[in-house]
C-alpha atoms as a PDB file:
ATOM      1  CA  MET A   1      88.249  55.650 132.137  1.00  0.00           C
ATOM      2  CA  THR A   2      86.736  58.880 130.783  1.00  0.00           C
ATOM      3  CA  ILE A   3      88.554  59.893 127.467  1.00  0.00           C
ATOM      4  CA  ARG A   4      89.999  63.291 127.344  1.00  0.00           C
ATOM      5  CA  THR A   5      89.404  64.673 123.891  1.00  0.00           C
ATOM      6  CA  VAL A   6      90.202  67.694 121.468  1.00  0.00           C
ATOM      7  CA  LEU A   7      88.015  68.867 118.541  1.00  0.00           C
ATOM      8  CA  VAL A   8      89.964  70.391 116.154  1.00  0.00           C
ATOM      9  CA  ASP A   9      87.925  72.134 113.074  1.00  0.00           C
ATOM     10  CA  ASP A  10      87.898  75.138 111.429  1.00  0.00           C
ATOM     11  CA  HIS A  11      84.045  75.184 111.030  1.00  0.00           C
ATOM     12  CA  LYS A  12      82.705  76.279 114.570  1.00  0.00           C
ATOM     13  CA  LEU A  13      79.210  74.915 114.147  1.00  0.00           C
ATOM     14  CA  PHE A  14      80.176  71.615 113.113  1.00  0.00           C
ATOM     15  CA  ARG A  15      82.885  71.503 116.253  1.00  0.00           C
ATOM     16  CA  GLU A  16      79.845  72.769 118.754  1.00  0.00           C
ATOM     17  CA  GLY A  17      77.214  69.982 117.089  1.00  0.00           C
ATOM     18  CA  LEU A  18      79.907  67.351 117.509  1.00  0.00           C
ATOM     19  CA  TYR A  19      80.665  68.636 121.177  1.00  0.00           C
ATOM     20  CA  SER A  20      77.189  68.296 121.798  1.00  0.00           C
ATOM     21  CA  LEU A  21      76.738  64.679 120.785  1.00  0.00           C
ATOM     22  CA  LEU A  22      80.324  63.529 122.284  1.00  0.00           C
ATOM     23  CA  GLU A  23      79.148  65.194 125.661  1.00  0.00           C
ATOM     24  CA  LYS A  24      76.205  62.944 125.682  1.00  0.00           C
ATOM     25  CA  LYS A  25      78.426  59.853 126.410  1.00  0.00           C
ATOM     26  CA  PRO A  26      79.651  59.459 130.224  1.00  0.00           C
ATOM     27  CA  ASN A  27      82.943  58.420 129.007  1.00  0.00           C
ATOM     28  CA  ILE A  28      84.099  60.897 127.012  1.00  0.00           C
ATOM     29  CA  GLU A  29      84.947  64.335 127.991  1.00  0.00           C
ATOM     30  CA  VAL A  30      85.609  67.262 125.802  1.00  0.00           C
ATOM     31  CA  VAL A  31      88.324  69.509 127.136  1.00  0.00           C
ATOM     32  CA  GLY A  32      88.920  71.502 124.578  1.00  0.00           C
ATOM     33  CA  GLN A  33      88.786  72.594 121.138  1.00  0.00           C
ATOM     34  CA  ALA A  34      90.700  74.670 118.135  1.00  0.00           C
ATOM     35  CA  SER A  35      89.833  76.341 114.921  1.00  0.00           C
ATOM     36  CA  SER A  36      93.523  75.556 113.461  1.00  0.00           C
ATOM     37  CA  GLY A  37      96.438  73.311 113.237  1.00  0.00           C
ATOM     38  CA  LEU A  38      98.575  76.401 115.092  1.00  0.00           C
ATOM     39  CA  GLU A  39      95.923  76.381 117.935  1.00  0.00           C
ATOM     40  CA  ALA A  40      95.765  72.672 118.049  1.00  0.00           C
ATOM     41  CA  ILE A  41      99.610  72.567 118.771  1.00  0.00           C
ATOM     42  CA  ASP A  42      99.300  74.626 121.610  1.00  0.00           C
ATOM     43  CA  ILE A  43      96.223  73.288 123.398  1.00  0.00           C
ATOM     44  CA  ILE A  44      96.862  69.545 122.861  1.00  0.00           C
ATOM     45  CA  GLN A  45     100.552  70.222 124.762  1.00  0.00           C
ATOM     46  CA  GLU A  46      98.991  72.104 127.602  1.00  0.00           C
ATOM     47  CA  LEU A  47      95.981  69.801 128.133  1.00  0.00           C
ATOM     48  CA  LEU A  48      97.741  66.147 127.144  1.00  0.00           C
ATOM     49  CA  PRO A  49      94.656  64.722 125.930  1.00  0.00           C
ATOM     50  CA  ASP A  50      93.950  61.215 125.248  1.00  0.00           C
ATOM     51  CA  ILE A  51      92.508  61.430 121.559  1.00  0.00           C
ATOM     52  CA  VAL A  52      92.317  64.235 119.149  1.00  0.00           C
ATOM     53  CA  ILE A  53      89.483  64.592 116.512  1.00  0.00           C
ATOM     54  CA  MET A  54      91.049  66.030 113.551  1.00  0.00           C
ATOM     55  CA  ASP A  55      89.854  68.046 110.280  1.00  0.00           C
ATOM     56  CA  ILE A  56      92.477  68.264 107.789  1.00  0.00           C
ATOM     57  CA  GLY A  57      91.494  70.890 105.680  1.00  0.00           C
ATOM     58  CA  MET A  58      92.729  74.083 107.257  1.00  0.00           C
ATOM     59  CA  LYS A  59      94.455  77.035 106.795  1.00  0.00           C
ATOM     60  CA  ASN A  60      97.969  78.135 107.550  1.00  0.00           C
ATOM     61  CA  VAL A  61      98.797  74.818 109.386  1.00  0.00           C
ATOM     62  CA  ASN A  62      96.779  71.978 108.207  1.00  0.00           C
ATOM     63  CA  GLY A  63      95.842  68.916 109.878  1.00  0.00           C
ATOM     64  CA  ILE A  64      98.179  66.651 108.512  1.00  0.00           C
ATOM     65  CA  GLN A  65     100.940  68.867 109.333  1.00  0.00           C
ATOM     66  CA  ALA A  66      99.498  69.502 112.666  1.00  0.00           C
ATOM     67  CA  THR A  67      99.265  65.641 113.428  1.00  0.00           C
ATOM     68  CA  ARG A  68     102.833  65.173 112.621  1.00  0.00           C
ATOM     69  CA  GLN A  69     104.009  67.809 114.835  1.00  0.00           C
ATOM     70  CA  LEU A  70     102.083  66.666 117.614  1.00  0.00           C
ATOM     71  CA  LYS A  71     102.896  62.875 117.538  1.00  0.00           C
ATOM     72  CA  ALA A  72     106.630  64.527 117.613  1.00  0.00           C
ATOM     73  CA  LEU A  73     105.573  66.660 120.832  1.00  0.00           C
ATOM     74  CA  VAL A  74     102.912  64.319 122.452  1.00  0.00           C
ATOM     75  CA  PRO A  75     103.279  60.675 121.155  1.00  0.00           C
ATOM     76  CA  ASP A  76     100.796  58.958 123.434  1.00  0.00           C
ATOM     77  CA  THR A  77      97.836  61.014 122.259  1.00  0.00           C
ATOM     78  CA  LYS A  78      95.981  59.342 119.544  1.00  0.00           C
ATOM     79  CA  ILE A  79      94.469  61.348 116.572  1.00  0.00           C
ATOM     80  CA  LEU A  80      91.685  60.655 114.480  1.00  0.00           C
ATOM     81  CA  ALA A  81      91.217  62.450 111.259  1.00  0.00           C
ATOM     82  CA  LEU A  82      87.673  63.304 110.450  1.00  0.00           C
ATOM     83  CA  SER A  83      87.360  65.148 106.628  1.00  0.00           C
ATOM     84  CA  MET A  84      85.095  65.194 103.947  1.00  0.00           C
ATOM     85  CA  HIS A  85      88.183  64.216 101.809  1.00  0.00           C
ATOM     86  CA  SER A  86      88.232  59.888 100.988  1.00  0.00           C
ATOM     87  CA  ASN A  87      90.871  60.135  98.529  1.00  0.00           C
ATOM     88  CA  GLU A  88      93.460  57.743  99.072  1.00  0.00           C
ATOM     89  CA  LYS A  89      96.509  60.477  99.445  1.00  0.00           C
ATOM     90  CA  TYR A  90      94.760  62.313 102.009  1.00  0.00           C
ATOM     91  CA  ILE A  91      94.170  58.842 103.804  1.00  0.00           C
ATOM     92  CA  ALA A  92      98.084  57.874 103.185  1.00  0.00           C
ATOM     93  CA  GLU A  93      99.489  61.171 104.302  1.00  0.00           C
ATOM     94  CA  MET A  94      97.368  61.234 107.315  1.00  0.00           C
ATOM     95  CA  LEU A  95      98.840  58.139 108.302  1.00  0.00           C
ATOM     96  CA  ARG A  96     101.831  58.663 107.561  1.00  0.00           C
ATOM     97  CA  ALA A  97     101.700  61.502 110.270  1.00  0.00           C
ATOM     98  CA  GLY A  98     100.548  59.522 112.908  1.00  0.00           C
ATOM     99  CA  ALA A  99      96.907  59.230 112.837  1.00  0.00           C
ATOM    100  CA  SER A 100      95.638  56.573 114.444  1.00  0.00           C
ATOM    101  CA  GLY A 101      92.434  56.494 112.109  1.00  0.00           C
ATOM    102  CA  TYR A 102      90.229  58.236 109.472  1.00  0.00           C
ATOM    103  CA  LEU A 103      86.843  58.806 109.026  1.00  0.00           C
ATOM    104  CA  VAL A 104      84.737  60.704 106.402  1.00  0.00           C
ATOM    105  CA  LYS A 105      82.290  63.423 107.842  1.00  0.00           C
ATOM    106  CA  ASP A 106      79.068  61.815 106.478  1.00  0.00           C
ATOM    107  CA  CYS A 107      79.560  59.122 108.991  1.00  0.00           C
ATOM    108  CA  ALA A 108      77.116  57.868 111.565  1.00  0.00           C
ATOM    109  CA  TYR A 109      77.393  59.047 114.881  1.00  0.00           C
ATOM    110  CA  GLU A 110      77.868  55.429 116.005  1.00  0.00           C
ATOM    111  CA  GLU A 111      80.985  54.448 113.885  1.00  0.00           C
ATOM    112  CA  LEU A 112      82.510  57.860 115.381  1.00  0.00           C
ATOM    113  CA  LEU A 113      82.013  56.262 118.771  1.00  0.00           C
ATOM    114  CA  ASN A 114      83.378  52.959 117.532  1.00  0.00           C
ATOM    115  CA  ALA A 115      86.195  54.679 116.065  1.00  0.00           C
ATOM    116  CA  ILE A 116      87.117  56.401 119.182  1.00  0.00           C
ATOM    117  CA  GLU A 117      87.106  53.169 120.959  1.00  0.00           C
ATOM    118  CA  THR A 118      88.930  51.317 118.832  1.00  0.00           C
ATOM    119  CA  ILE A 119      92.100  53.677 118.399  1.00  0.00           C
ATOM    120  CA  MET A 120      91.941  53.764 122.267  1.00  0.00           C
ATOM    121  CA  SER A 121      92.468  50.075 122.439  1.00  0.00           C
ATOM    122  CA  GLY A 122      95.562  50.540 120.392  1.00  0.00           C
ATOM    123  CA  ARG A 123      94.291  49.528 117.146  1.00  0.00           C
ATOM    124  CA  ILE A 124      93.794  51.119 113.485  1.00  0.00           C
ATOM    125  CA  TYR A 125      90.510  52.398 112.551  1.00  0.00           C
ATOM    126  CA  LEU A 126      89.166  53.198 108.818  1.00  0.00           C
ATOM    127  CA  SER A 127      85.735  54.278 107.608  1.00  0.00           C
ATOM    128  CA  PRO A 128      84.508  50.642 105.871  1.00  0.00           C
ATOM    129  CA  GLU A 129      83.718  52.585 102.840  1.00  0.00           C
ATOM    130  CA  ILE A 130      87.239  54.021 102.217  1.00  0.00           C
ATOM    131  CA  ALA A 131      89.588  50.838 103.667  1.00  0.00           C
ATOM    132  CA  GLY A 132      88.747  48.441 101.099  1.00  0.00           C
ATOM    133  CA  ALA A 133      89.750  50.762  98.197  1.00  0.00           C
ATOM    134  CA  PHE A 134      92.676  52.351 100.440  1.00  0.00           C
ATOM    135  CA  VAL A 135      94.389  48.792 100.838  1.00  0.00           C
ATOM    136  CA  LYS A 136      93.582  47.894  97.554  1.00  0.00           C
ATOM    137  CA  ASP A 137      94.763  51.020  95.521  1.00  0.00           C
ATOM    138  CA  PHE A 138      97.578  52.286  97.833  1.00  0.00           C
ATOM    139  CA  LEU A 139      99.030  49.472  99.701  1.00  0.00           C
ATOM    140  CA  PHE A 140      98.941  46.331  97.263  1.00  0.00           C
ATOM    141  CA  SER A 141      99.277  48.823  94.139  1.00  0.00           C
ATOM    142  CA  GLY A 142     101.902  46.843  91.632  1.00  0.00           C
ATOM    143  CA  GLU A 143     102.444  50.668  90.407  1.00  0.00           C
ATOM    144  CA  GLU A 144     105.390  53.071  91.694  1.00  0.00           C
ATOM    145  CA  GLN A 145     103.650  55.101  94.223  1.00  0.00           C
ATOM    146  CA  ILE A 146     104.085  59.069  93.865  1.00  0.00           C
ATOM    147  CA  PRO A 147     106.537  60.272  96.923  1.00  0.00           C
ATOM    148  CA  SER A 148     105.123  61.716  99.603  1.00  0.00           C
ATOM    149  CA  ILE A 149     105.601  65.397  99.743  1.00  0.00           C
ATOM    150  CA  PHE A 150     107.118  64.925 103.112  1.00  0.00           C
ATOM    151  CA  SER A 151     109.853  63.013 101.821  1.00  0.00           C
ATOM    152  CA  ILE A 152     110.968  65.829  99.410  1.00  0.00           C
ATOM    153  CA  LEU A 153     110.614  69.053 101.430  1.00  0.00           C
ATOM    154  CA  THR A 154     111.350  69.737 104.925  1.00  0.00           C
ATOM    155  CA  PRO A 155     108.262  70.389 107.342  1.00  0.00           C
ATOM    156  CA  ARG A 156     109.385  74.074 107.269  1.00  0.00           C
ATOM    157  CA  GLU A 157     109.158  74.088 103.518  1.00  0.00           C
ATOM    158  CA  CYS A 158     105.875  72.050 103.596  1.00  0.00           C
ATOM    159  CA  GLU A 159     104.560  75.091 105.720  1.00  0.00           C
ATOM    160  CA  VAL A 160     105.951  77.887 103.311  1.00  0.00           C
ATOM    161  CA  LEU A 161     104.243  75.754 100.545  1.00  0.00           C
ATOM    162  CA  GLN A 162     101.311  75.362 102.036  1.00  0.00           C
ATOM    163  CA  LEU A 163     101.061  79.478 102.660  1.00  0.00           C
ATOM    164  CA  ILE A 164     102.026  80.076  99.142  1.00  0.00           C
ATOM    165  CA  SER A 165      99.336  78.000  97.657  1.00  0.00           C
ATOM    166  CA  GLU A 166      96.669  80.307 100.092  1.00  0.00           C
ATOM    167  CA  GLY A 167      97.978  82.601  98.293  1.00  0.00           C
ATOM    168  CA  LYS A 168     100.159  84.950 100.877  1.00  0.00           C
ATOM    169  CA  THR A 169     102.755  87.083  99.675  1.00  0.00           C
ATOM    170  CA  ASN A 170     106.470  86.421 101.122  1.00  0.00           C
ATOM    171  CA  LYS A 171     106.068  89.506 103.835  1.00  0.00           C
ATOM    172  CA  GLU A 172     102.941  88.148 104.989  1.00  0.00           C
ATOM    173  CA  ILE A 173     104.558  84.362 104.969  1.00  0.00           C
ATOM    174  CA  ALA A 174     108.188  85.682 107.243  1.00  0.00           C
ATOM    175  CA  HIS A 175     105.670  87.826 109.417  1.00  0.00           C
ATOM    176  CA  LYS A 176     103.259  84.819 110.454  1.00  0.00           C
ATOM    177  CA  LEU A 177     106.455  82.731 110.879  1.00  0.00           C
ATOM    178  CA  GLY A 178     108.510  85.067 112.364  1.00  0.00           C
ATOM    179  CA  VAL A 179     111.423  85.176 109.643  1.00  0.00           C
ATOM    180  CA  SER A 180     113.074  87.243 107.564  1.00  0.00           C
ATOM    181  CA  VAL A 181     111.514  87.770 103.824  1.00  0.00           C
ATOM    182  CA  LYS A 182     114.822  86.680 102.286  1.00  0.00           C
ATOM    183  CA  THR A 183     114.860  83.706 104.467  1.00  0.00           C
ATOM    184  CA  ILE A 184     111.107  82.763 102.990  1.00  0.00           C
ATOM    185  CA  ASP A 185     112.642  83.911  99.337  1.00  0.00           C
ATOM    186  CA  THR A 186     115.460  81.549  99.929  1.00  0.00           C
ATOM    187  CA  HIS A 187     112.520  78.774 100.891  1.00  0.00           C
ATOM    188  CA  ARG A 188     110.696  79.504  97.911  1.00  0.00           C
ATOM    189  CA  GLN A 189     113.249  79.098  95.673  1.00  0.00           C
ATOM    190  CA  GLN A 190     114.303  75.612  97.248  1.00  0.00           C
ATOM    191  CA  ILE A 191     110.851  74.871  97.269  1.00  0.00           C
ATOM    192  CA  MET A 192     110.319  75.280  93.516  1.00  0.00           C
ATOM    193  CA  SER A 193     113.834  73.621  92.648  1.00  0.00           C
ATOM    194  CA  ARG A 194     113.195  70.589  94.688  1.00  0.00           C
ATOM    195  CA  LEU A 195     109.602  70.022  92.746  1.00  0.00           C
ATOM    196  CA  ASP A 196     111.043  71.549  89.370  1.00  0.00           C
ATOM    197  CA  ILE A 197     107.881  73.998  89.661  1.00  0.00           C
ATOM    198  CA  HIS A 198     108.464  77.407  88.834  1.00  0.00           C
ATOM    199  CA  ASN A 199     104.754  79.269  89.219  1.00  0.00           C
ATOM    200  CA  VAL A 200     102.767  79.714  91.996  1.00  0.00           C
ATOM    201  CA  ALA A 201      99.524  78.351  90.063  1.00  0.00           C
ATOM    202  CA  GLU A 202     101.595  75.128  89.548  1.00  0.00           C
ATOM    203  CA  LEU A 203     102.618  75.047  93.072  1.00  0.00           C
ATOM    204  CA  THR A 204      98.910  75.472  94.291  1.00  0.00           C
ATOM    205  CA  ARG A 205      97.785  72.285  92.340  1.00  0.00           C
ATOM    206  CA  TYR A 206     100.536  70.385  93.384  1.00  0.00           C
ATOM    207  CA  ALA A 207      99.940  71.403  96.979  1.00  0.00           C
ATOM    208  CA  ILE A 208      96.123  70.271  96.689  1.00  0.00           C
ATOM    209  CA  LYS A 209      97.326  67.036  94.776  1.00  0.00           C
ATOM    210  CA  MET A 210      99.525  65.889  97.204  1.00  0.00           C
ATOM    211  CA  GLY A 211      97.080  66.822  99.834  1.00  0.00           C
ATOM    212  CA  LEU A 212      99.421  69.463 101.698  1.00  0.00           C
ATOM    213  CA  THR A 213      96.801  71.883 100.716  1.00  0.00           C
ATOM    214  CA  PRO A 214      93.056  70.226 100.608  1.00  0.00           C
ATOM    215  CA  MET A 215      90.317  71.811  98.763  1.00  0.00           C
ATOM    216  CA  ASP A 216      87.954  74.137 100.461  1.00  0.00           C
ATOM    217  CA  GLU A 217      85.493  72.120 102.725  1.00  0.00           C
END
């Protein structure tokens, strides 16, 4: 069976390198590429691939948000996160969003192939170097976990928060999301109220800490 694959990463050179490697495998066909979460959502709904290799650190709609939306729209498509971030917060949010696996970008090519095969067989795959720490620190910690940002804010508020943390103005956000400036101002006030954070600098730090706005890769 040929595994139809879509690559999502905002670094063109990385996508092209990954494409070249995967195309050498006779059972893997790269049917599409996207450079952002928004582009990925459109392409993946059209192509309906078997698996998506998804970066996290992308502007406007990051890999976590894109994964969450895609699992609601095309639940049969598997998603494998491939990121430079090994922090358990990013791992946890991607798995909560519906990803079936998580790899760090410095993994070997053979591990990527193993992850794809594992996920396509219906299992979860985590890089060995992060699996132990994740299980210990996140799943079995006796300490109370910080609530997921997605349990505090609505999906639209998460989108607005990411754009705020990227330095966008209310007018720019309204144009991008196709709503009024007044609507964005209302979202901004609700976000600050829900989080009890009342300036952009603190909102940005919070968004990064919670994995909503990954640090620049």
